């Protein structure tokens, strides 16, 4: 909002002049949308923190005064807000709950004149991080000459979708090491 006015000097047919000045008026802002790309920085994987990146967004109306964020997840049935995820960063849970799902961030920028622009980032699929299987491998049966024994894997667990297969190698200590 700057002020504008006009001044004029008239000259009559006898050479006399008169100066005129209008009253000032404030130039009203017309909303110019912010432009650029909202991005996600960091690696979208279980246990990681990713961030909204607004460094490519500019607003000709005096710059960006504030940004409101909302992180979203798509679990296969459309996009939904992640409850409480309204900051620049998203802490991806360290369990399997987001693995294989898409996340994105939306942002509303507000310029110094109060104008707003909505942005949505591209989606990123949350990757799995290898979690070691846990538990105890046991021998089932009585270990004695002539008996059959088995590997007991019932006590093993893998949070990365369960145990898909097991490869066995039986060993014997022959006393030489």
Protein backbone atom coordinates (compact mmCIF):
# COMPACT_ATOMS: atom_id res chain seq x y z
CA UNK A 1 0.00 0.00 0.00
CA UNK A 2 1.70 3.10 -1.24
CA UNK A 3 -0.19 6.33 -1.81
CA UNK A 4 -0.60 7.92 -5.24
CA UNK A 5 -1.81 11.38 -6.25
CA UNK A 6 -1.76 13.54 -9.33
CA UNK A 7 -0.68 17.15 -9.76
CA UNK A 8 -1.50 19.39 -12.71
CA UNK A 9 -0.76 22.96 -13.76
CA UNK A 10 -3.18 24.66 -16.09
CA UNK A 11 -2.34 27.61 -18.25
CA UNK A 12 -5.12 29.93 -19.46
CA UNK A 13 -5.15 31.85 -22.74
CA UNK A 14 -3.62 34.92 -21.05
CA UNK A 15 -0.70 32.90 -19.67
CA UNK A 16 -1.95 32.56 -16.11
CA UNK A 17 -1.25 29.28 -14.37
CA UNK A 18 -3.01 27.41 -11.61
CA UNK A 19 -1.66 24.36 -9.75
CA UNK A 20 -3.93 21.50 -8.75
CA UNK A 21 -3.28 18.48 -6.52
CA UNK A 22 -5.60 15.52 -5.98
CA UNK A 23 -6.04 13.82 -2.64
CA UNK A 24 -3.85 10.78 -2.11
CA UNK A 25 -5.24 7.29 -2.46
CA UNK A 26 -3.73 4.06 -1.25
CA UNK A 27 -2.95 1.46 -3.90
CA UNK A 28 -4.87 -1.70 -2.98
CA UNK A 29 -3.01 -4.99 -3.16
CA UNK A 30 -4.24 -7.60 -5.60
CA UNK A 31 -3.48 -11.11 -4.38
CA UNK A 32 -0.59 -12.60 -6.28
CA UNK A 33 -0.35 -16.32 -5.63
CA UNK A 34 2.85 -17.73 -4.22
CA UNK A 35 4.68 -19.94 -6.71
CA UNK A 36 7.15 -22.78 -6.52
CA UNK A 37 7.28 -26.38 -5.40
CA UNK A 38 6.68 -27.86 -1.97
CA UNK A 39 9.07 -30.78 -1.57
CA UNK A 40 9.95 -33.40 1.02
CA UNK A 41 13.56 -33.65 2.14
CA UNK A 42 15.08 -36.68 3.80
CA UNK A 43 14.56 -40.38 3.20
CA UNK A 44 11.03 -41.66 3.76
CA UNK A 45 11.75 -44.84 5.69
CA UNK A 46 10.65 -46.38 8.96
CA UNK A 47 12.16 -44.60 11.96
CA UNK A 48 13.34 -41.57 9.96
CA UNK A 49 12.40 -37.91 10.17
CA UNK A 50 11.43 -36.18 6.93
CA UNK A 51 10.86 -32.46 6.46
CA UNK A 52 8.75 -30.14 4.35
CA UNK A 53 11.00 -28.04 2.11
CA UNK A 54 9.57 -24.63 1.13
CA UNK A 55 12.87 -23.18 -0.12
CA UNK A 56 11.56 -23.11 -3.72
CA UNK A 57 8.38 -21.17 -2.82
CA UNK A 58 8.25 -17.40 -3.28
CA UNK A 59 5.49 -14.83 -2.95
CA UNK A 60 5.62 -11.48 -4.78
CA UNK A 61 3.34 -9.91 -2.16
CA UNK A 62 6.16 -9.07 0.24
CA UNK A 63 7.31 -12.61 0.92
CA UNK A 64 5.92 -15.44 3.01
CA UNK A 65 4.94 -14.47 6.54
CA UNK A 66 3.89 -17.93 7.78
CA UNK A 67 3.34 -21.53 6.69
CA UNK A 68 0.80 -24.02 8.09
CA UNK A 69 1.61 -27.70 7.50
CA UNK A 70 -0.45 -30.90 7.51
CA UNK A 71 1.13 -34.29 6.85
CA UNK A 72 -1.06 -36.92 5.20
CA UNK A 73 -0.94 -40.68 4.62
CA UNK A 74 -2.57 -42.88 2.01
CA UNK A 75 -3.20 -46.37 3.31
CA UNK A 76 -4.90 -47.46 0.10
CA UNK A 77 -8.27 -45.81 0.63
CA UNK A 78 -7.33 -42.20 -0.15
CA UNK A 79 -5.47 -39.43 1.63
CA UNK A 80 -6.09 -38.69 5.28
CA UNK A 81 -4.54 -36.27 7.74
CA UNK A 82 -2.05 -37.72 10.22
CA UNK A 83 -3.37 -36.64 13.60
CA UNK A 84 -1.08 -34.08 15.26
CA UNK A 85 1.36 -33.96 12.31
CA UNK A 86 1.22 -30.20 11.69
CA UNK A 87 4.89 -29.23 11.92
CA UNK A 88 7.63 -28.88 9.34
CA UNK A 89 8.95 -32.36 10.30
CA UNK A 90 7.30 -35.77 10.32
CA UNK A 91 8.73 -38.48 12.55
CA UNK A 92 7.97 -41.73 10.73
CA UNK A 93 7.24 -44.45 13.32
CA UNK A 94 9.96 -47.05 13.82
CA UNK A 95 7.46 -49.90 13.51
CA UNK A 96 5.83 -51.26 10.36
CA UNK A 97 2.72 -49.02 10.51
CA UNK A 98 3.77 -46.68 7.66
CA UNK A 99 5.89 -49.12 5.61
CA UNK A 100 4.65 -49.37 2.01
CA UNK A 101 2.26 -46.46 2.45
CA UNK A 102 2.51 -43.08 0.75
CA UNK A 103 3.03 -39.87 2.71
CA UNK A 104 2.88 -36.26 1.57
CA UNK A 105 2.67 -32.80 3.09
CA UNK A 106 0.27 -29.97 2.37
CA UNK A 107 1.10 -26.37 3.19
CA UNK A 108 -0.78 -23.10 3.22
CA UNK A 109 1.48 -20.08 2.87
CA UNK A 110 0.34 -16.66 4.06
CA UNK A 111 1.98 -13.54 2.61
CA UNK A 112 2.53 -10.24 4.38
CA UNK A 113 -0.82 -8.92 3.08
CA UNK A 114 -2.75 -11.94 4.38
CA UNK A 115 -3.16 -13.72 1.04
CA UNK A 116 -2.91 -17.50 1.10
CA UNK A 117 -1.75 -20.15 -1.36
CA UNK A 118 -2.17 -23.93 -1.02
CA UNK A 119 0.60 -26.38 -1.95
CA UNK A 120 0.81 -30.18 -1.96
CA UNK A 121 4.07 -32.11 -2.25
CA UNK A 122 4.64 -35.18 -4.34
CA UNK A 123 4.04 -38.40 -2.42
CA UNK A 124 6.83 -40.61 -1.12
CA UNK A 125 6.47 -44.29 -0.28
CA UNK A 126 7.79 -45.19 3.17
CA UNK A 127 10.50 -47.85 2.87
CA UNK A 128 11.15 -50.71 5.24
CA UNK A 129 14.32 -50.79 7.31
CA UNK A 130 15.59 -54.30 8.01
CA UNK A 131 14.68 -55.31 11.54
CA UNK A 132 16.60 -58.37 12.71
CA UNK A 133 14.56 -61.42 13.57
CA UNK A 134 14.40 -62.13 17.29
CA UNK A 135 13.80 -65.09 19.53
CA UNK A 136 15.44 -68.38 20.39
CA UNK A 137 16.15 -71.31 18.09
CA UNK A 138 15.79 -74.57 19.99
CA UNK A 139 16.26 -78.28 19.43
CA UNK A 140 13.15 -80.42 19.85
CA UNK A 141 13.41 -84.03 20.93
CA UNK A 142 15.80 -86.02 23.05
CA UNK A 143 19.35 -85.67 21.82
CA UNK A 144 20.67 -89.20 21.97
CA UNK A 145 22.02 -91.79 19.59
CA UNK A 146 19.28 -93.22 17.35
CA UNK A 147 16.71 -90.48 17.97
CA UNK A 148 15.38 -87.94 15.53
CA UNK A 149 15.63 -84.34 16.57
CA UNK A 150 14.13 -81.25 14.97
CA UNK A 151 14.83 -77.54 14.81
CA UNK A 152 12.16 -75.68 16.77
CA UNK A 153 11.55 -72.21 15.25
CA UNK A 154 8.34 -71.45 17.16
CA UNK A 155 10.23 -68.93 19.30
CA UNK A 156 11.45 -66.89 16.32
CA UNK A 157 9.74 -63.68 15.21
CA UNK A 158 10.38 -61.05 12.55
CA UNK A 159 8.41 -57.80 12.57
CA UNK A 160 9.20 -57.28 8.86
CA UNK A 161 6.13 -59.27 7.83
CA UNK A 162 6.99 -62.53 9.59
CA UNK A 163 9.45 -65.28 8.70
CA UNK A 164 8.99 -66.36 5.09
CA UNK A 165 11.50 -69.21 5.06
CA UNK A 166 14.21 -70.86 7.16
CA UNK A 167 17.41 -72.46 5.87
CA UNK A 168 18.88 -75.09 8.20
CA UNK A 169 22.43 -76.27 8.64
CA UNK A 170 23.07 -78.92 11.31
CA UNK A 171 26.53 -78.90 12.84
CA UNK A 172 28.44 -81.27 15.06
CA UNK A 173 31.35 -80.55 17.34
CA UNK A 174 33.83 -83.31 16.67
CA UNK A 175 36.08 -82.10 19.47
CA UNK A 176 38.67 -80.42 17.26
CA UNK A 177 37.48 -76.91 17.72
